[in-house]
Amino acid sequence: MDIDRTPTLPALIENNTRYYLQNVLQKCNQHRASIYHWSLNIGVFIIFVVIVFAILYSCYKSKRTPEEIQQKDLKDQAYILSKIRHYKQERQHIVSRTTLTGLPVI
């Protein structure tokens, strides 16, 4: 019996079979990872398209009709004119209170 021989663990399968199974498992892992990446990319793309569509749709629906634009313009004009009238009346009231006779100041 040879003393220099180190005890080796028993091999349950041959080396060729081990390498073949290892390569098959690596390919399966790579295939699974590529499927995960594709599904993630497609999912993110779909979410992006839905968000863009929702934003464009809301912009389209919130667009005012010409009648609404005209009504808003009339309302704004009426508000501005009422403020002008209010300030004119206030100025006239202040001027009339400053003089005893109510004559305009020169």
PDB file of N, CA and C in Angstrom:
ATOM      1  N   MET A   1       0.837  -1.171   0.000  1.00  0.00           N
ATOM      2  CA  MET A   1       0.000   0.000   0.000  1.00  0.00           C
ATOM      3  C   MET A   1       0.883   1.235   0.000  1.00  0.00           C
ATOM      4  N   ASP A   2       0.445   2.207  -0.741  1.00  0.00           N
ATOM      5  CA  ASP A   2       1.224   3.422  -0.918  1.00  0.00           C
ATOM      6  C   ASP A   2       0.810   4.437   0.140  1.00  0.00           C
ATOM      7  N   ILE A   3       1.737   5.008   0.904  1.00  0.00           N
ATOM      8  CA  ILE A   3       1.430   5.934   1.993  1.00  0.00           C
ATOM      9  C   ILE A   3       1.231   7.358   1.463  1.00  0.00           C
ATOM     10  N   ASP A   4       1.820   7.704   0.351  1.00  0.00           N
ATOM     11  CA  ASP A   4       1.746   9.072  -0.172  1.00  0.00           C
ATOM     12  C   ASP A   4       0.376   9.411  -0.761  1.00  0.00           C
ATOM     13  N   ARG A   5      -0.413   8.469  -0.985  1.00  0.00           N
ATOM     14  CA  ARG A   5      -1.730   8.744  -1.580  1.00  0.00           C
ATOM     15  C   ARG A   5      -2.643   9.378  -0.541  1.00  0.00           C
ATOM     16  N   THR A   6      -3.256  10.473  -0.927  1.00  0.00           N
ATOM     17  CA  THR A   6      -4.209  11.123  -0.035  1.00  0.00           C
ATOM     18  C   THR A   6      -5.577  10.537  -0.287  1.00  0.00           C
ATOM     19  N   PRO A   7      -6.342  10.417   0.753  1.00  0.00           N
ATOM     20  CA  PRO A   7      -7.674   9.840   0.543  1.00  0.00           C
ATOM     21  C   PRO A   7      -8.548  10.827  -0.242  1.00  0.00           C
ATOM     22  N   THR A   8      -9.206  10.370  -1.242  1.00  0.00           N
ATOM     23  CA  THR A   8     -10.095  11.207  -2.047  1.00  0.00           C
ATOM     24  C   THR A   8     -11.527  10.851  -1.712  1.00  0.00           C
ATOM     25  N   LEU A   9     -12.352  11.838  -1.862  1.00  0.00           N
ATOM     26  CA  LEU A   9     -13.766  11.617  -1.605  1.00  0.00           C
ATOM     27  C   LEU A   9     -14.347  10.811  -2.754  1.00  0.00           C
ATOM     28  N   PRO A  10     -15.277   9.969  -2.458  1.00  0.00           N
ATOM     29  CA  PRO A  10     -15.864   9.180  -3.539  1.00  0.00           C
ATOM     30  C   PRO A  10     -16.709  10.078  -4.441  1.00  0.00           C
ATOM     31  N   ALA A  11     -16.612   9.901  -5.722  1.00  0.00           N
ATOM     32  CA  ALA A  11     -17.381  10.663  -6.695  1.00  0.00           C
ATOM     33  C   ALA A  11     -18.629   9.873  -7.040  1.00  0.00           C
ATOM     34  N   LEU A  12     -19.781  10.521  -6.871  1.00  0.00           N
ATOM     35  CA  LEU A  12     -21.035   9.838  -7.147  1.00  0.00           C
ATOM     36  C   LEU A  12     -21.394   9.882  -8.625  1.00  0.00           C
ATOM     37  N   ILE A  13     -20.868  10.887  -9.337  1.00  0.00           N
ATOM     38  CA  ILE A  13     -21.100  10.965 -10.775  1.00  0.00           C
ATOM     39  C   ILE A  13     -19.765  11.181 -11.467  1.00  0.00           C
ATOM     40  N   GLU A  14     -19.734  10.893 -12.739  1.00  0.00           N
ATOM     41  CA  GLU A  14     -18.498  11.069 -13.498  1.00  0.00           C
ATOM     42  C   GLU A  14     -18.234  12.550 -13.748  1.00  0.00           C
ATOM     43  N   ASN A  15     -16.994  12.869 -14.039  1.00  0.00           N
ATOM     44  CA  ASN A  15     -16.624  14.266 -14.275  1.00  0.00           C
ATOM     45  C   ASN A  15     -17.324  14.834 -15.503  1.00  0.00           C
ATOM     46  N   ASN A  16     -17.444  14.073 -16.566  1.00  0.00           N
ATOM     47  CA  ASN A  16     -18.120  14.561 -17.774  1.00  0.00           C
ATOM     48  C   ASN A  16     -19.576  14.902 -17.482  1.00  0.00           C
ATOM     49  N   THR A  17     -20.214  14.057 -16.715  1.00  0.00           N
ATOM     50  CA  THR A  17     -21.615  14.303 -16.354  1.00  0.00           C
ATOM     51  C   THR A  17     -21.717  15.538 -15.477  1.00  0.00           C
ATOM     52  N   ARG A  18     -20.792  15.710 -14.561  1.00  0.00           N
ATOM     53  CA  ARG A  18     -20.792  16.879 -13.680  1.00  0.00           C
ATOM     54  C   ARG A  18     -20.643  18.160 -14.507  1.00  0.00           C
ATOM     55  N   TYR A  19     -19.706  18.199 -15.434  1.00  0.00           N
ATOM     56  CA  TYR A  19     -19.501  19.381 -16.274  1.00  0.00           C
ATOM     57  C   TYR A  19     -20.722  19.649 -17.148  1.00  0.00           C
ATOM     58  N   TYR A  20     -21.320  18.597 -17.675  1.00  0.00           N
ATOM     59  CA  TYR A  20     -22.514  18.758 -18.508  1.00  0.00           C
ATOM     60  C   TYR A  20     -23.655  19.363 -17.686  1.00  0.00           C
ATOM     61  N   LEU A  21     -23.907  18.829 -16.496  1.00  0.00           N
ATOM     62  CA  LEU A  21     -24.987  19.354 -15.655  1.00  0.00           C
ATOM     63  C   LEU A  21     -24.706  20.793 -15.225  1.00  0.00           C
ATOM     64  N   GLN A  22     -23.446  21.084 -14.940  1.00  0.00           N
ATOM     65  CA  GLN A  22     -23.093  22.444 -14.546  1.00  0.00           C
ATOM     66  C   GLN A  22     -23.348  23.419 -15.697  1.00  0.00           C
ATOM     67  N   ASN A  23     -22.994  23.041 -16.906  1.00  0.00           N
ATOM     68  CA  ASN A  23     -23.246  23.899 -18.068  1.00  0.00           C
ATOM     69  C   ASN A  23     -24.738  24.070 -18.320  1.00  0.00           C
ATOM     70  N   VAL A  24     -25.499  22.999 -18.174  1.00  0.00           N
ATOM     71  CA  VAL A  24     -26.949  23.083 -18.369  1.00  0.00           C
ATOM     72  C   VAL A  24     -27.563  24.009 -17.326  1.00  0.00           C
ATOM     73  N   LEU A  25     -27.137  23.902 -16.078  1.00  0.00           N
ATOM     74  CA  LEU A  25     -27.675  24.767 -15.028  1.00  0.00           C
ATOM     75  C   LEU A  25     -27.284  26.231 -15.256  1.00  0.00           C
ATOM     76  N   GLN A  26     -26.078  26.478 -15.738  1.00  0.00           N
ATOM     77  CA  GLN A  26     -25.676  27.854 -16.040  1.00  0.00           C
ATOM     78  C   GLN A  26     -26.516  28.435 -17.169  1.00  0.00           C
ATOM     79  N   LYS A  27     -26.777  27.631 -18.195  1.00  0.00           N
ATOM     80  CA  LYS A  27     -27.612  28.100 -19.303  1.00  0.00           C
ATOM     81  C   LYS A  27     -29.038  28.372 -18.828  1.00  0.00           C
ATOM     82  N   CYS A  28     -29.556  27.510 -17.961  1.00  0.00           N
ATOM     83  CA  CYS A  28     -30.905  27.724 -17.415  1.00  0.00           C
ATOM     84  C   CYS A  28     -30.949  29.017 -16.603  1.00  0.00           C
ATOM     85  N   ASN A  29     -29.904  29.260 -15.827  1.00  0.00           N
ATOM     86  CA  ASN A  29     -29.843  30.481 -15.027  1.00  0.00           C
ATOM     87  C   ASN A  29     -29.780  31.713 -15.929  1.00  0.00           C
ATOM     88  N   GLN A  30     -28.979  31.665 -16.977  1.00  0.00           N
ATOM     89  CA  GLN A  30     -28.890  32.784 -17.910  1.00  0.00           C
ATOM     90  C   GLN A  30     -30.217  33.008 -18.624  1.00  0.00           C
ATOM     91  N   HIS A  31     -30.882  31.932 -18.995  1.00  0.00           N
ATOM     92  CA  HIS A  31     -32.181  32.045 -19.668  1.00  0.00           C
ATOM     93  C   HIS A  31     -33.217  32.661 -18.725  1.00  0.00           C
ATOM     94  N   ARG A  32     -33.233  32.226 -17.486  1.00  0.00           N
ATOM     95  CA  ARG A  32     -34.160  32.773 -16.489  1.00  0.00           C
ATOM     96  C   ARG A  32     -33.884  34.257 -16.272  1.00  0.00           C
ATOM     97  N   ALA A  33     -32.621  34.637 -16.168  1.00  0.00           N
ATOM     98  CA  ALA A  33     -32.268  36.045 -15.970  1.00  0.00           C
ATOM     99  C   ALA A  33     -32.691  36.884 -17.167  1.00  0.00           C
ATOM    100  N   SER A  34     -32.511  36.360 -18.373  1.00  0.00           N
ATOM    101  CA  SER A  34     -32.921  37.129 -19.555  1.00  0.00           C
ATOM    102  C   SER A  34     -34.440  37.288 -19.599  1.00  0.00           C
ATOM    103  N   ILE A  35     -35.171  36.260 -19.196  1.00  0.00           N
ATOM    104  CA  ILE A  35     -36.635  36.370 -19.147  1.00  0.00           C
ATOM    105  C   ILE A  35     -37.047  37.418 -18.120  1.00  0.00           C
ATOM    106  N   TYR A  36     -36.401  37.439 -16.953  1.00  0.00           N
ATOM    107  CA  TYR A  36     -36.704  38.449 -15.941  1.00  0.00           C
ATOM    108  C   TYR A  36     -36.411  39.851 -16.470  1.00  0.00           C
ATOM    109  N   HIS A  37     -35.297  40.018 -17.151  1.00  0.00           N
ATOM    110  CA  HIS A  37     -34.960  41.335 -17.677  1.00  0.00           C
ATOM    111  C   HIS A  37     -35.959  41.780 -18.742  1.00  0.00           C
ATOM    112  N   TRP A  38     -36.323  40.880 -19.639  1.00  0.00           N
ATOM    113  CA  TRP A  38     -37.304  41.232 -20.671  1.00  0.00           C
ATOM    114  C   TRP A  38     -38.651  41.590 -20.055  1.00  0.00           C
ATOM    115  N   SER A  39     -39.104  40.792 -19.094  1.00  0.00           N
ATOM    116  CA  SER A  39     -40.405  41.077 -18.478  1.00  0.00           C
ATOM    117  C   SER A  39     -40.361  42.395 -17.712  1.00  0.00           C
ATOM    118  N   LEU A  40     -39.258  42.680 -17.040  1.00  0.00           N
ATOM    119  CA  LEU A  40     -39.133  43.955 -16.335  1.00  0.00           C
ATOM    120  C   LEU A  40     -39.145  45.119 -17.324  1.00  0.00           C
ATOM    121  N   ASN A  41     -38.407  45.007 -18.402  1.00  0.00           N
ATOM    122  CA  ASN A  41     -38.370  46.082 -19.398  1.00  0.00           C
ATOM    123  C   ASN A  41     -39.736  46.305 -20.036  1.00  0.00           C
ATOM    124  N   ILE A  42     -40.418  45.238 -20.363  1.00  0.00           N
ATOM    125  CA  ILE A  42     -41.750  45.370 -20.962  1.00  0.00           C
ATOM    126  C   ILE A  42     -42.725  45.978 -19.957  1.00  0.00           C
ATOM    127  N   GLY A  43     -42.649  45.558 -18.708  1.00  0.00           N
ATOM    128  CA  GLY A  43     -43.521  46.120 -17.677  1.00  0.00           C
ATOM    129  C   GLY A  43     -43.290  47.605 -17.477  1.00  0.00           C
ATOM    130  N   VAL A  44     -42.036  48.024 -17.410  1.00  0.00           N
ATOM    131  CA  VAL A  44     -41.724  49.447 -17.250  1.00  0.00           C
ATOM    132  C   VAL A  44     -42.195  50.231 -18.471  1.00  0.00           C
ATOM    133  N   PHE A  45     -42.036  49.674 -19.656  1.00  0.00           N
ATOM    134  CA  PHE A  45     -42.495  50.350 -20.870  1.00  0.00           C
ATOM    135  C   PHE A  45     -44.012  50.526 -20.856  1.00  0.00           C
ATOM    136  N   ILE A  46     -44.730  49.496 -20.454  1.00  0.00           N
ATOM    137  CA  ILE A  46     -46.195  49.588 -20.400  1.00  0.00           C
ATOM    138  C   ILE A  46     -46.627  50.637 -19.386  1.00  0.00           C
ATOM    139  N   ILE A  47     -45.991  50.661 -18.227  1.00  0.00           N
ATOM    140  CA  ILE A  47     -46.327  51.669 -17.216  1.00  0.00           C
ATOM    141  C   ILE A  47     -46.037  53.069 -17.754  1.00  0.00           C
ATOM    142  N   PHE A  48     -44.918  53.236 -18.439  1.00  0.00           N
ATOM    143  CA  PHE A  48     -44.568  54.530 -19.026  1.00  0.00           C
ATOM    144  C   PHE A  48     -45.613  54.969 -20.051  1.00  0.00           C
ATOM    145  N   VAL A  49     -46.030  54.058 -20.910  1.00  0.00           N
ATOM    146  CA  VAL A  49     -47.032  54.386 -21.934  1.00  0.00           C
ATOM    147  C   VAL A  49     -48.362  54.759 -21.278  1.00  0.00           C
ATOM    148  N   VAL A  50     -48.752  54.042 -20.240  1.00  0.00           N
ATOM    149  CA  VAL A  50     -50.013  54.344 -19.552  1.00  0.00           C
ATOM    150  C   VAL A  50     -49.949  55.729 -18.913  1.00  0.00           C
ATOM    151  N   ILE A  51     -48.828  56.064 -18.283  1.00  0.00           N
ATOM    152  CA  ILE A  51     -48.700  57.378 -17.647  1.00  0.00           C
ATOM    153  C   ILE A  51     -48.741  58.487 -18.697  1.00  0.00           C
ATOM    154  N   VAL A  52     -48.030  58.311 -19.798  1.00  0.00           N
ATOM    155  CA  VAL A  52     -48.037  59.326 -20.861  1.00  0.00           C
ATOM    156  C   VAL A  52     -49.441  59.467 -21.444  1.00  0.00           C
ATOM    157  N   PHE A  53     -50.116  58.350 -21.672  1.00  0.00           N
ATOM    158  CA  PHE A  53     -51.478  58.405 -22.200  1.00  0.00           C
ATOM    159  C   PHE A  53     -52.408  59.121 -21.224  1.00  0.00           C
ATOM    160  N   ALA A  54     -52.285  58.845 -19.936  1.00  0.00           N
ATOM    161  CA  ALA A  54     -53.141  59.493 -18.938  1.00  0.00           C
ATOM    162  C   ALA A  54     -52.896  60.998 -18.900  1.00  0.00           C
ATOM    163  N   ILE A  55     -51.643  61.407 -18.989  1.00  0.00           N
ATOM    164  CA  ILE A  55     -51.332  62.840 -18.980  1.00  0.00           C
ATOM    165  C   ILE A  55     -51.897  63.519 -20.225  1.00  0.00           C
ATOM    166  N   LEU A  56     -51.695  62.917 -21.381  1.00  0.00           N
ATOM    167  CA  LEU A  56     -52.219  63.512 -22.615  1.00  0.00           C
ATOM    168  C   LEU A  56     -53.742  63.560 -22.619  1.00  0.00           C
ATOM    169  N   TYR A  57     -54.372  62.514 -22.108  1.00  0.00           N
ATOM    170  CA  TYR A  57     -55.834  62.482 -22.057  1.00  0.00           C
ATOM    171  C   TYR A  57     -56.370  63.555 -21.114  1.00  0.00           C
ATOM    172  N   SER A  58     -55.727  63.719 -19.960  1.00  0.00           N
ATOM    173  CA  SER A  58     -56.195  64.740 -19.023  1.00  0.00           C
ATOM    174  C   SER A  58     -55.983  66.140 -19.597  1.00  0.00           C
ATOM    175  N   CYS A  59     -54.895  66.346 -20.328  1.00  0.00           N
ATOM    176  CA  CYS A  59     -54.681  67.647 -20.973  1.00  0.00           C
ATOM    177  C   CYS A  59     -55.743  67.897 -22.043  1.00  0.00           C
ATOM    178  N   TYR A  60     -56.104  66.847 -22.763  1.00  0.00           N
ATOM    179  CA  TYR A  60     -57.122  66.989 -23.802  1.00  0.00           C
ATOM    180  C   TYR A  60     -58.483  67.306 -23.186  1.00  0.00           C
ATOM    181  N   LYS A  61     -58.825  66.629 -22.098  1.00  0.00           N
ATOM    182  CA  LYS A  61     -60.134  66.837 -21.485  1.00  0.00           C
ATOM    183  C   LYS A  61     -60.225  68.161 -20.744  1.00  0.00           C
ATOM    184  N   SER A  62     -59.113  68.670 -20.235  1.00  0.00           N
ATOM    185  CA  SER A  62     -59.164  69.923 -19.490  1.00  0.00           C
ATOM    186  C   SER A  62     -59.087  71.141 -20.405  1.00  0.00           C
ATOM    187  N   LYS A  63     -58.954  70.922 -21.690  1.00  0.00           N
ATOM    188  CA  LYS A  63     -58.902  72.019 -22.648  1.00  0.00           C
ATOM    189  C   LYS A  63     -60.271  72.698 -22.695  1.00  0.00           C
ATOM    190  N   ARG A  64     -60.268  74.016 -22.639  1.00  0.00           N
ATOM    191  CA  ARG A  64     -61.528  74.758 -22.596  1.00  0.00           C
ATOM    192  C   ARG A  64     -62.104  74.937 -23.996  1.00  0.00           C
ATOM    193  N   THR A  65     -63.423  74.964 -24.026  1.00  0.00           N
ATOM    194  CA  THR A  65     -64.112  75.211 -25.289  1.00  0.00           C
ATOM    195  C   THR A  65     -64.102  76.718 -25.566  1.00  0.00           C
ATOM    196  N   PRO A  66     -64.346  77.124 -26.801  1.00  0.00           N
ATOM    197  CA  PRO A  66     -64.370  78.574 -27.102  1.00  0.00           C
ATOM    198  C   PRO A  66     -65.416  79.326 -26.274  1.00  0.00           C
ATOM    199  N   GLU A  67     -66.545  78.696 -25.976  1.00  0.00           N
ATOM    200  CA  GLU A  67     -67.569  79.353 -25.159  1.00  0.00           C
ATOM    201  C   GLU A  67     -67.057  79.585 -23.741  1.00  0.00           C
ATOM    202  N   GLU A  68     -66.371  78.600 -23.183  1.00  0.00           N
ATOM    203  CA  GLU A  68     -65.830  78.750 -21.833  1.00  0.00           C
ATOM    204  C   GLU A  68     -64.754  79.831 -21.792  1.00  0.00           C
ATOM    205  N   ILE A  69     -63.943  79.900 -22.840  1.00  0.00           N
ATOM    206  CA  ILE A  69     -62.904  80.931 -22.911  1.00  0.00           C
ATOM    207  C   ILE A  69     -63.544  82.315 -22.976  1.00  0.00           C
ATOM    208  N   GLN A  70     -64.604  82.442 -23.774  1.00  0.00           N
ATOM    209  CA  GLN A  70     -65.290  83.726 -23.898  1.00  0.00           C
ATOM    210  C   GLN A  70     -65.943  84.119 -22.571  1.00  0.00           C
ATOM    211  N   GLN A  71     -66.578  83.174 -21.897  1.00  0.00           N
ATOM    212  CA  GLN A  71     -67.199  83.468 -20.606  1.00  0.00           C
ATOM    213  C   GLN A  71     -66.156  83.900 -19.578  1.00  0.00           C
ATOM    214  N   LYS A  72     -65.015  83.254 -19.576  1.00  0.00           N
ATOM    215  CA  LYS A  72     -63.955  83.620 -18.638  1.00  0.00           C
ATOM    216  C   LYS A  72     -63.433  85.019 -18.942  1.00  0.00           C
ATOM    217  N   ASP A  73     -63.262  85.341 -20.226  1.00  0.00           N
ATOM    218  CA  ASP A  73     -62.798  86.678 -20.598  1.00  0.00           C
ATOM    219  C   ASP A  73     -63.799  87.743 -20.157  1.00  0.00           C
ATOM    220  N   LEU A  74     -65.087  87.478 -20.357  1.00  0.00           N
ATOM    221  CA  LEU A  74     -66.114  88.433 -19.925  1.00  0.00           C
ATOM    222  C   LEU A  74     -66.108  88.591 -18.410  1.00  0.00           C
ATOM    223  N   LYS A  75     -65.944  87.511 -17.710  1.00  0.00           N
ATOM    224  CA  LYS A  75     -65.902  87.560 -16.249  1.00  0.00           C
ATOM    225  C   LYS A  75     -64.690  88.360 -15.773  1.00  0.00           C
ATOM    226  N   ASP A  76     -63.539  88.151 -16.415  1.00  0.00           N
ATOM    227  CA  ASP A  76     -62.334  88.900 -16.054  1.00  0.00           C
ATOM    228  C   ASP A  76     -62.505  90.388 -16.346  1.00  0.00           C
ATOM    229  N   GLN A  77     -63.101  90.708 -17.491  1.00  0.00           N
ATOM    230  CA  GLN A  77     -63.330  92.111 -17.834  1.00  0.00           C
ATOM    231  C   GLN A  77     -64.279  92.768 -16.838  1.00  0.00           C
ATOM    232  N   ALA A  78     -65.334  92.057 -16.455  1.00  0.00           N
ATOM    233  CA  ALA A  78     -66.284  92.607 -15.488  1.00  0.00           C
ATOM    234  C   ALA A  78     -65.601  92.833 -14.142  1.00  0.00           C
ATOM    235  N   TYR A  79     -64.741  91.933 -13.737  1.00  0.00           N
ATOM    236  CA  TYR A  79     -64.027  92.082 -12.470  1.00  0.00           C
ATOM    237  C   TYR A  79     -63.109  93.302 -12.508  1.00  0.00           C
ATOM    238  N   ILE A  80     -62.388  93.472 -13.612  1.00  0.00           N
ATOM    239  CA  ILE A  80     -61.471  94.612 -13.737  1.00  0.00           C
ATOM    240  C   ILE A  80     -62.248  95.926 -13.735  1.00  0.00           C
ATOM    241  N   LEU A  81     -63.354  95.967 -14.476  1.00  0.00           N
ATOM    242  CA  LEU A  81     -64.168  97.190 -14.503  1.00  0.00           C
ATOM    243  C   LEU A  81     -64.760  97.500 -13.135  1.00  0.00           C
ATOM    244  N   SER A  82     -65.186  96.497 -12.399  1.00  0.00           N
ATOM    245  CA  SER A  82     -65.736  96.749 -11.064  1.00  0.00           C
ATOM    246  C   SER A  82     -64.658  97.296 -10.131  1.00  0.00           C
ATOM    247  N   LYS A  83     -63.430  96.813 -10.244  1.00  0.00           N
ATOM    248  CA  LYS A  83     -62.337  97.329  -9.412  1.00  0.00           C
ATOM    249  C   LYS A  83     -62.015  98.779  -9.782  1.00  0.00           C
ATOM    250  N   ILE A  84     -62.032  99.078 -11.081  1.00  0.00           N
ATOM    251  CA  ILE A  84     -61.772 100.459 -11.513  1.00  0.00           C
ATOM    252  C   ILE A  84     -62.843 101.384 -10.961  1.00  0.00           C
ATOM    253  N   ARG A  85     -64.114 100.984 -11.060  1.00  0.00           N
ATOM    254  CA  ARG A  85     -65.208 101.800 -10.523  1.00  0.00           C
ATOM    255  C   ARG A  85     -65.064 101.979  -9.015  1.00  0.00           C
ATOM    256  N   HIS A  86     -64.708 100.917  -8.327  1.00  0.00           N
ATOM    257  CA  HIS A  86     -64.556 100.974  -6.873  1.00  0.00           C
ATOM    258  C   HIS A  86     -63.454 101.966  -6.493  1.00  0.00           C
ATOM    259  N   TYR A  87     -62.308 101.919  -7.162  1.00  0.00           N
ATOM    260  CA  TYR A  87     -61.213 102.834  -6.837  1.00  0.00           C
ATOM    261  C   TYR A  87     -61.556 104.276  -7.196  1.00  0.00           C
ATOM    262  N   LYS A  88     -62.312 104.483  -8.278  1.00  0.00           N
ATOM    263  CA  LYS A  88     -62.744 105.840  -8.635  1.00  0.00           C
ATOM    264  C   LYS A  88     -63.663 106.402  -7.561  1.00  0.00           C
ATOM    265  N   GLN A  89     -64.629 105.597  -7.126  1.00  0.00           N
ATOM    266  CA  GLN A  89     -65.552 106.048  -6.091  1.00  0.00           C
ATOM    267  C   GLN A  89     -64.812 106.316  -4.786  1.00  0.00           C
ATOM    268  N   GLU A  90     -63.866 105.480  -4.462  1.00  0.00           N
ATOM    269  CA  GLU A  90     -63.100 105.672  -3.230  1.00  0.00           C
ATOM    270  C   GLU A  90     -62.285 106.964  -3.307  1.00  0.00           C
ATOM    271  N   ARG A  91     -61.674 107.226  -4.452  1.00  0.00           N
ATOM    272  CA  ARG A  91     -60.883 108.441  -4.623  1.00  0.00           C
ATOM    273  C   ARG A  91     -61.789 109.674  -4.531  1.00  0.00           C
ATOM    274  N   GLN A  92     -62.965 109.624  -5.155  1.00  0.00           N
ATOM    275  CA  GLN A  92     -63.896 110.748  -5.081  1.00  0.00           C
ATOM    276  C   GLN A  92     -64.358 110.960  -3.647  1.00  0.00           C
ATOM    277  N   HIS A  93     -64.583 109.909  -2.924  1.00  0.00           N
ATOM    278  CA  HIS A  93     -65.028 110.013  -1.534  1.00  0.00           C
ATOM    279  C   HIS A  93     -63.931 110.651  -0.680  1.00  0.00           C
ATOM    280  N   ILE A  94     -62.676 110.269  -0.899  1.00  0.00           N
ATOM    281  CA  ILE A  94     -61.564 110.832  -0.132  1.00  0.00           C
ATOM    282  C   ILE A  94     -61.397 112.314  -0.458  1.00  0.00           C
ATOM    283  N   VAL A  95     -61.495 112.672  -1.731  1.00  0.00           N
ATOM    284  CA  VAL A  95     -61.344 114.075  -2.137  1.00  0.00           C
ATOM    285  C   VAL A  95     -62.481 114.910  -1.565  1.00  0.00           C
ATOM    286  N   SER A  96     -63.687 114.409  -1.565  1.00  0.00           N
ATOM    287  CA  SER A  96     -64.828 115.178  -1.057  1.00  0.00           C
ATOM    288  C   SER A  96     -64.741 115.343   0.458  1.00  0.00           C
ATOM    289  N   ARG A  97     -64.115 114.448   1.162  1.00  0.00           N
ATOM    290  CA  ARG A  97     -63.984 114.560   2.618  1.00  0.00           C
ATOM    291  C   ARG A  97     -62.857 115.515   3.008  1.00  0.00           C
ATOM    292  N   THR A  98     -61.889 115.728   2.141  1.00  0.00           N
ATOM    293  CA  THR A  98     -60.748 116.573   2.503  1.00  0.00           C
ATOM    294  C   THR A  98     -61.090 118.055   2.456  1.00  0.00           C
ATOM    295  N   THR A  99     -61.996 118.439   1.633  1.00  0.00           N
ATOM    296  CA  THR A  99     -62.347 119.858   1.557  1.00  0.00           C
ATOM    297  C   THR A  99     -63.670 120.085   2.262  1.00  0.00           C
ATOM    298  N   LEU A 100     -63.772 121.219   2.879  1.00  0.00           N
ATOM    299  CA  LEU A 100     -65.013 121.545   3.572  1.00  0.00           C
ATOM    300  C   LEU A 100     -66.119 121.912   2.598  1.00  0.00           C
ATOM    301  N   THR A 101     -65.750 122.573   1.541  1.00  0.00           N
ATOM    302  CA  THR A 101     -66.763 123.032   0.604  1.00  0.00           C
ATOM    303  C   THR A 101     -67.072 122.017  -0.470  1.00  0.00           C
ATOM    304  N   GLY A 102     -66.218 121.045  -0.658  1.00  0.00           N
ATOM    305  CA  GLY A 102     -66.442 120.043  -1.682  1.00  0.00           C
ATOM    306  C   GLY A 102     -65.950 120.477  -3.038  1.00  0.00           C
ATOM    307  N   LEU A 103     -65.241 121.636  -3.086  1.00  0.00           N
ATOM    308  CA  LEU A 103     -64.686 122.104  -4.347  1.00  0.00           C
ATOM    309  C   LEU A 103     -63.439 121.291  -4.682  1.00  0.00           C
ATOM    310  N   PRO A 104     -63.186 121.069  -5.954  1.00  0.00           N
ATOM    311  CA  PRO A 104     -61.985 120.311  -6.315  1.00  0.00           C
ATOM    312  C   PRO A 104     -60.714 121.086  -5.976  1.00  0.00           C
ATOM    313  N   VAL A 105     -59.695 120.368  -5.615  1.00  0.00           N
ATOM    314  CA  VAL A 105     -58.419 120.981  -5.249  1.00  0.00           C
ATOM    315  C   VAL A 105     -57.628 121.242  -6.517  1.00  0.00           C
ATOM    316  N   ILE A 106     -57.072 122.479  -6.600  1.00  0.00           N
ATOM    317  CA  ILE A 106     -56.289 122.842  -7.781  1.00  0.00           C
ATOM    318  C   ILE A 106     -54.821 122.770  -7.454  1.00  0.00           C
TER     319      ILE A 106
END
